[in-house]
């Protein structure tokens, strides 16, 4: 996300777009290592519901 630093400070891009991009990046980064996590059944159900 370092390469996107210009995007976060740009006034040409609306806050809504920045927020949506942030949410999509955050979720993809979190789910990237999903297969390597040791999950409890409760946690796995919560992730699947997402």
Protein backbone atom coordinates (compact mmCIF):
# COMPACT_ATOMS: atom_id res chain seq x y z
CA UNK A 1 0.00 0.00 0.00
CA UNK A 2 3.04 2.22 0.07
CA UNK A 3 2.83 2.74 -3.66
CA UNK A 4 -0.65 4.11 -3.18
CA UNK A 5 0.46 6.89 -0.84
CA UNK A 6 -0.15 9.51 -3.54
CA UNK A 7 -3.74 8.31 -3.77
CA UNK A 8 -4.50 8.78 -0.08
CA UNK A 9 -3.30 12.39 -0.13
CA UNK A 10 -4.81 13.35 -3.48
CA UNK A 11 -7.63 15.85 -3.43
CA UNK A 12 -8.76 14.73 -6.88
CA UNK A 13 -10.15 11.46 -5.55
CA UNK A 14 -13.20 11.53 -3.31
CA UNK A 15 -13.22 10.18 0.21
CA UNK A 16 -15.87 7.61 -0.75
CA UNK A 17 -13.63 6.09 -3.41
CA UNK A 18 -10.64 6.09 -1.07
CA UNK A 19 -12.71 4.39 1.61
CA UNK A 20 -14.03 1.72 -0.76
CA UNK A 21 -10.53 1.03 -2.04
CA UNK A 22 -9.19 0.81 1.51
CA UNK A 23 -11.90 -1.67 2.48
CA UNK A 24 -11.26 -3.87 -0.55
CA UNK A 25 -7.48 -3.84 0.00
CA UNK A 26 -7.82 -4.59 3.69
CA UNK A 27 -10.12 -7.55 3.11
CA UNK A 28 -8.00 -9.02 0.33
CA UNK A 29 -4.87 -8.72 2.47
CA UNK A 30 -6.57 -10.34 5.44
CA UNK A 31 -8.01 -13.19 3.40
CA UNK A 32 -4.78 -13.80 1.51
CA UNK A 33 -3.36 -15.98 4.28
CA UNK A 34 -6.71 -17.50 5.21
CA UNK A 35 -5.63 -21.03 4.30
CA UNK A 36 -2.74 -20.94 6.76
CA UNK A 37 -4.75 -19.80 9.77
CA UNK A 38 -5.76 -22.27 12.45
CA UNK A 39 -9.42 -21.51 12.80
CA UNK A 40 -11.92 -22.45 15.40
CA UNK A 41 -15.33 -23.45 14.08
CA UNK A 42 -16.92 -20.25 15.40
CA UNK A 43 -14.34 -18.01 13.69
CA UNK A 44 -14.65 -19.93 10.43
CA UNK A 45 -18.44 -19.50 10.42
CA UNK A 46 -18.03 -15.75 10.95
CA UNK A 47 -15.59 -15.47 8.03
CA UNK A 48 -17.83 -17.57 5.77
CA UNK A 49 -20.80 -15.36 6.64
CA UNK A 50 -18.84 -12.32 5.56
